[in-house]
Amino acid sequence: MKTALLEKVEQSQLKEKAPDCRVGDSVRVHVKIKEGDKERVQVYAGTVIARDGGGANETFTVRRISFGEGVERVFPVHSPYITKVEVERSGMVRRAKLYYMRKLTSKQSRLKEVQE
């Protein structure tokens, strides 16, 4: 139950052009990183395994393998620190959450690509 005031404040926080990525997509997320007084953009590439929430609280989880270790990172969709989300390829999945990917190894974890 949100009041009209809360909804109005939340609407002002939303991005006009939210990233259009779905579960199963291989993405490259460009993230602003502040180090002292400098600011740079770092790319985090991986597979989207989950989308959660709604409105200003919406997030998506990206998983990748780094030096043989699985790493997951949760990004808020409407965060000002996300400059761009590039979809490299779209995977065909039948689940809303791909948590089973945590148990799979390299070749097993490949998803079929959507033929458009």
Protein backbone atom coordinates (compact mmCIF):
# COMPACT_ATOMS: atom_id res chain seq x y z
CA MET A 1 0.00 0.00 0.00
CA LYS A 2 1.87 3.02 -1.27
CA THR A 3 0.60 6.49 -0.73
CA ALA A 4 0.39 8.97 -3.58
CA LEU A 5 3.33 10.91 -2.16
CA LEU A 6 5.55 7.81 -2.05
CA GLU A 7 4.62 6.89 -5.62
CA LYS A 8 5.42 10.42 -6.82
CA VAL A 9 8.86 10.36 -5.16
CA GLU A 10 9.54 6.88 -6.58
CA GLN A 11 8.57 7.99 -10.10
CA SER A 12 11.13 10.79 -9.95
CA GLN A 13 13.88 8.23 -9.18
CA LEU A 14 13.16 5.98 -12.18
CA LYS A 15 15.25 6.09 -15.36
CA GLU A 16 13.43 7.01 -18.55
CA LYS A 17 15.26 4.31 -20.50
CA ALA A 18 15.72 1.31 -18.21
CA PRO A 19 17.98 -1.49 -19.49
CA ASP A 20 16.09 -4.12 -21.45
CA CYS A 21 17.73 -7.38 -20.39
CA ARG A 22 15.98 -10.61 -19.54
CA VAL A 23 16.90 -13.72 -17.59
CA GLY A 24 19.28 -15.87 -19.63
CA ASP A 25 20.87 -12.99 -21.55
CA SER A 26 24.63 -12.55 -21.70
CA VAL A 27 25.22 -8.90 -20.86
CA ARG A 28 27.98 -6.34 -20.42
CA VAL A 29 27.13 -3.89 -17.62
CA HIS A 30 29.03 -0.57 -17.67
CA VAL A 31 29.36 0.64 -14.07
CA LYS A 32 30.73 3.98 -12.82
CA ILE A 33 33.36 3.52 -10.12
CA LYS A 34 34.65 6.33 -7.89
CA GLU A 35 38.23 6.11 -6.65
CA GLY A 36 39.10 9.13 -4.56
CA ASP A 37 38.23 12.15 -6.69
CA LYS A 38 38.48 10.24 -9.99
CA GLU A 39 35.64 8.46 -11.74
CA ARG A 40 35.89 5.71 -14.35
CA VAL A 41 33.67 3.15 -16.07
CA GLN A 42 34.27 -0.56 -15.52
CA VAL A 43 32.61 -3.35 -17.52
CA TYR A 44 31.15 -6.40 -15.77
CA ALA A 45 30.18 -9.18 -18.20
CA GLY A 46 28.14 -12.28 -17.38
CA THR A 47 24.76 -14.00 -17.57
CA VAL A 48 21.59 -12.59 -16.03
CA ILE A 49 20.32 -15.27 -13.64
CA ALA A 50 17.53 -13.34 -11.87
CA ARG A 51 15.37 -10.21 -11.88
CA ASP A 52 13.72 -9.13 -8.65
CA GLY A 53 11.49 -6.39 -7.30
CA GLY A 54 9.60 -3.68 -9.08
CA GLY A 55 9.61 0.07 -9.53
CA ALA A 56 12.61 1.84 -8.04
CA ASN A 57 13.60 -1.32 -6.12
CA GLU A 58 14.01 -3.51 -9.22
CA THR A 59 17.31 -5.40 -9.46
CA PHE A 60 18.99 -7.95 -11.71
CA THR A 61 21.70 -10.46 -10.79
CA VAL A 62 24.63 -11.13 -13.13
CA ARG A 63 26.83 -14.21 -12.72
CA ARG A 64 30.23 -14.89 -14.23
CA ILE A 65 33.22 -17.15 -13.65
CA SER A 66 36.34 -15.26 -12.57
CA PHE A 67 39.60 -17.21 -12.13
CA GLY A 68 37.65 -20.46 -11.73
CA GLU A 69 35.39 -19.01 -9.05
CA GLY A 70 31.72 -18.09 -9.57
CA VAL A 71 30.99 -14.41 -8.87
CA GLU A 72 27.52 -12.88 -8.68
CA ARG A 73 26.73 -9.21 -8.54
CA VAL A 74 23.34 -7.56 -8.00
CA PHE A 75 22.66 -4.31 -9.88
CA PRO A 76 19.74 -1.94 -9.28
CA VAL A 77 18.03 -1.33 -12.64
CA HIS A 78 17.48 2.39 -12.00
CA SER A 79 20.87 3.12 -10.44
CA PRO A 80 22.65 6.27 -11.65
CA TYR A 81 25.94 4.31 -11.49
CA ILE A 82 24.90 2.05 -14.37
CA THR A 83 25.71 3.90 -17.58
CA LYS A 84 24.85 1.20 -20.10
CA VAL A 85 23.76 -2.43 -20.37
CA GLU A 86 24.68 -4.20 -23.62
CA VAL A 87 22.98 -7.49 -24.46
CA GLU A 88 25.58 -9.68 -26.21
CA ARG A 89 23.28 -12.65 -26.81
CA SER A 90 19.84 -13.76 -25.68
CA GLY A 91 19.54 -17.17 -24.08
CA MET A 92 16.48 -19.38 -24.33
CA VAL A 93 15.35 -20.32 -20.80
CA ARG A 94 12.22 -21.78 -19.25
CA ARG A 95 12.72 -20.47 -15.73
CA ALA A 96 12.39 -17.08 -14.07
CA LYS A 97 15.42 -17.71 -11.84
CA LEU A 98 18.51 -19.60 -13.01
CA TYR A 99 19.93 -20.47 -9.59
CA TYR A 100 20.71 -23.98 -10.86
CA MET A 101 23.56 -22.42 -12.87
CA ARG A 102 25.53 -22.17 -9.62
CA LYS A 103 26.08 -25.94 -9.63
CA LEU A 104 27.06 -26.22 -13.31
CA THR A 105 30.54 -26.02 -14.80
CA SER A 106 31.75 -24.37 -18.01
CA LYS A 107 30.24 -26.43 -20.87
CA GLN A 108 27.15 -27.43 -18.91
CA SER A 109 26.27 -23.82 -18.14
CA ARG A 110 25.91 -22.72 -21.77
CA LEU A 111 22.41 -21.66 -22.78
CA LYS A 112 20.84 -22.09 -26.19
CA GLU A 113 20.64 -18.83 -28.12
CA VAL A 114 17.27 -17.40 -29.15
CA GLN A 115 16.88 -17.54 -32.93
CA GLU A 116 15.23 -14.33 -34.13
